[in-house]
Protein backbone atom coordinates (compact mmCIF):
# COMPACT_ATOMS: atom_id res chain seq x y z
CA MET A 1 5.72 26.33 15.96
CA ASN A 2 2.12 25.35 16.52
CA LEU A 3 0.31 24.56 13.27
CA LYS A 4 -3.28 23.44 12.99
CA VAL A 5 -3.61 20.52 10.62
CA GLU A 6 -6.84 20.42 8.68
CA SER A 7 -8.73 17.15 8.91
CA PRO A 8 -8.31 16.01 5.27
CA PHE A 9 -4.55 15.95 5.82
CA ILE A 10 -4.37 14.28 9.24
CA LYS A 11 -3.97 10.69 8.04
CA LEU A 12 -1.32 11.63 5.47
CA ILE A 13 0.58 13.81 7.99
CA SER A 14 0.38 10.95 10.52
CA LEU A 15 1.90 8.59 7.96
CA LEU A 16 4.66 11.05 7.09
CA ASN A 17 5.27 11.72 10.79
CA GLU A 18 5.80 7.97 11.20
CA VAL A 19 8.30 7.62 8.35
CA GLU A 20 10.07 10.95 9.20
CA SER A 21 11.42 11.38 5.68
CA ILE A 22 10.81 9.70 2.38
CA VAL A 23 12.52 9.84 -0.97
CA SER A 24 10.07 10.90 -3.70
CA SER A 25 6.39 11.46 -3.90
CA ASP A 26 6.24 8.26 -5.99
CA LYS A 27 7.12 6.29 -2.85
CA ILE A 28 4.35 8.11 -0.95
CA GLN A 29 1.95 7.17 -3.76
CA LYS A 30 2.83 3.47 -3.52
CA MET A 31 2.80 3.34 0.27
CA VAL A 32 -0.62 5.02 0.54
CA PHE A 33 -2.07 2.70 -2.13
CA ILE A 34 -0.74 -0.40 -0.36
CA LEU A 35 -1.92 0.84 3.05
CA LYS A 36 -5.33 1.64 1.57
CA ASN A 37 -5.53 -1.93 0.26
CA GLU A 38 -4.56 -3.16 3.73
CA GLY A 39 -7.54 -1.38 5.27
CA VAL A 40 -6.28 2.12 6.12
CA PRO A 41 -9.15 4.40 5.14
CA PHE A 42 -7.36 6.87 2.87
CA ASN A 43 -9.87 8.71 0.67
CA GLU A 44 -7.67 9.28 -2.35
CA LYS A 45 -8.84 7.78 -5.64
CA TYR A 46 -6.29 5.95 -7.80
CA LYS A 47 -5.97 5.21 -11.51
CA TYR A 48 -3.45 2.97 -13.20
CA TYR A 49 -0.57 4.79 -14.93
CA PRO A 50 2.68 3.49 -16.47
CA VAL A 51 4.35 3.88 -13.04
CA GLY A 52 1.59 1.87 -11.36
CA PRO A 53 -1.38 3.06 -9.33
CA TYR A 54 -1.32 6.87 -9.04
CA SER A 55 -3.57 9.39 -7.32
CA SER A 56 -3.65 12.95 -8.63
CA ASP A 57 -5.60 13.78 -5.43
CA LEU A 58 -2.70 12.59 -3.29
CA GLN A 59 -0.15 14.44 -5.42
CA LEU A 60 -2.13 17.67 -5.00
CA GLU A 61 -2.30 17.08 -1.24
CA VAL A 62 1.48 16.67 -1.02
CA ILE A 63 2.00 19.86 -3.05
CA ASP A 64 -0.49 21.69 -0.82
CA LEU A 65 1.29 20.49 2.32
CA ILE A 66 4.62 21.68 0.91
CA GLU A 67 3.10 25.09 0.09
CA ARG A 68 1.73 25.33 3.63
CA ASN A 69 5.20 24.46 5.03
CA TYR A 70 4.02 21.28 6.76
CA LEU A 71 6.44 19.41 4.51
CA ILE A 72 9.80 20.45 3.12
CA THR A 73 11.82 19.09 0.23
CA ASP A 74 15.54 19.15 -0.39
CA GLY A 75 15.27 20.15 -4.05
CA ASN A 76 17.17 17.10 -5.30
CA ILE A 77 15.84 14.66 -7.88
CA PRO A 78 14.38 12.48 -6.59
CA GLN A 79 13.47 14.81 -3.79
CA THR A 80 13.46 13.86 -0.15
CA ILE A 81 10.26 14.94 1.58
CA LYS A 82 10.32 15.56 5.32
CA ILE A 83 7.97 16.80 8.00
CA ASN A 84 8.85 20.46 8.60
CA VAL A 85 7.72 20.55 12.20
CA GLN A 86 6.96 17.82 14.66
CA LEU A 87 3.24 18.08 15.05
CA ASN A 88 1.51 17.23 18.27
CA LEU A 89 -1.12 14.99 16.80
CA GLU A 90 -3.18 12.40 18.51
CA ASP A 91 -1.96 9.05 17.24
CA ASP A 92 -4.07 8.07 14.28
CA PRO A 93 -5.14 4.53 15.21
CA ASP A 94 -5.12 3.39 11.57
CA ILE A 95 -1.49 4.45 11.25
CA SER A 96 -0.26 3.49 14.72
CA GLU A 97 -1.72 -0.04 14.36
CA ARG A 98 0.38 -0.52 11.23
CA LYS A 99 3.76 0.87 12.33
CA GLU A 100 5.58 -2.36 11.50
CA LEU A 101 4.04 -2.48 8.03
CA ILE A 102 4.90 1.19 7.43
CA LYS A 103 8.51 0.62 8.48
CA PHE A 104 8.67 -2.44 6.21
CA LEU A 105 7.30 -0.45 3.25
CA LYS A 106 9.63 2.49 3.89
CA ASN A 107 12.65 0.17 3.65
CA LEU A 108 11.63 -1.33 0.29
CA ASP A 109 12.92 0.22 -2.90
CA ILE A 110 10.55 2.03 -5.24
CA PHE A 111 10.58 -0.84 -7.77
CA GLU A 112 9.41 -3.42 -5.25
CA LEU A 113 6.72 -1.00 -4.07
CA GLU A 114 5.66 -0.57 -7.69
CA ILE A 115 5.35 -4.34 -8.10
CA ILE A 116 3.43 -4.73 -4.83
CA SER A 117 1.03 -1.90 -5.64
CA THR A 118 0.49 -3.37 -9.11
CA ILE A 119 -0.32 -6.74 -7.52
CA TYR A 120 -3.06 -5.07 -5.45
CA TYR A 121 -4.32 -3.31 -8.57
CA LEU A 122 -4.48 -6.60 -10.48
CA LEU A 123 -6.27 -8.29 -7.58
CA ASP A 124 -8.89 -5.52 -7.75
CA LEU A 125 -9.31 -6.36 -11.45
CA GLY A 126 -9.96 -10.03 -10.65
CA TYR A 127 -6.55 -11.60 -11.21
CA MET A 128 -6.28 -14.14 -8.40
CA GLU A 129 -3.63 -16.71 -9.28
CA GLU A 130 0.04 -15.95 -8.65
CA ASN A 131 1.01 -17.13 -12.16
CA GLN A 132 -1.66 -14.91 -13.76
CA ILE A 133 -0.47 -11.91 -11.76
CA LYS A 134 3.21 -12.46 -12.54
CA LYS A 135 2.49 -12.97 -16.23
CA LYS A 136 0.49 -9.72 -16.39
CA ILE A 137 3.19 -7.78 -14.50
CA LYS A 138 5.80 -9.03 -17.00
CA ILE A 139 3.62 -7.55 -19.75
CA LEU A 140 2.87 -4.29 -17.92
CA LYS A 141 6.35 -3.81 -16.46
CA PRO A 142 8.97 -5.73 -18.43
CA SER A 143 11.76 -3.57 -16.97
CA LEU A 144 10.91 -4.85 -13.47
CA SER A 145 11.02 -8.57 -14.27
CA LYS A 146 14.27 -9.01 -12.29
CA LYS A 147 12.49 -7.69 -9.17
CA LEU A 148 9.26 -9.61 -9.73
CA ASN A 149 9.95 -12.58 -7.46
CA SER A 150 11.25 -10.47 -4.56
CA GLY A 151 8.34 -8.05 -5.02
CA TYR A 152 5.85 -10.92 -4.90
CA THR A 153 7.59 -12.41 -1.85
CA ASN A 154 7.30 -9.04 -0.09
CA TYR A 155 3.61 -8.86 -1.03
CA GLU A 156 3.15 -12.26 0.62
CA LYS A 157 4.96 -11.00 3.74
CA ILE A 158 2.51 -8.11 3.92
CA LYS A 159 -0.46 -10.48 3.63
CA GLU A 160 1.00 -12.71 6.36
CA ASN A 161 2.00 -9.76 8.60
CA HIS A 162 5.54 -11.13 8.59
CA PHE A 163 7.87 -8.12 8.29
CA ASP A 164 11.48 -9.28 8.54
């Protein structure tokens, strides 16, 4: 099947092509936010919600791509989202340059991604010190305090480009 991908969706489709399948749109939300903070020029705007940074723009794009049959879901909760057809896209340089990071993010659980994306959010607000950031996350996300140290360690791995 030969589908023409419209330009606003190319970067997102390239990302999803790279990960092949992903469990939940929440994980897509976190990955795009982290990649955006690592310099990938996604255009989606984010606001802070109880589940961390969230983009209604991105959610609408995922729904639109499902409705157009670019993406399919398995109907489970949480749902697995997959590329419906392998698209013959030119490699998006922003995505292909970050394949190791994308693989690293894909293998993290949603809670660590939530911590990492919240760290980026807090950095944008001016929190700079590790202790400040951890203290604020404990307030914002007390249920994730057991994952806080591993989440912060994984954030540091991202900053150091050390994905093991």
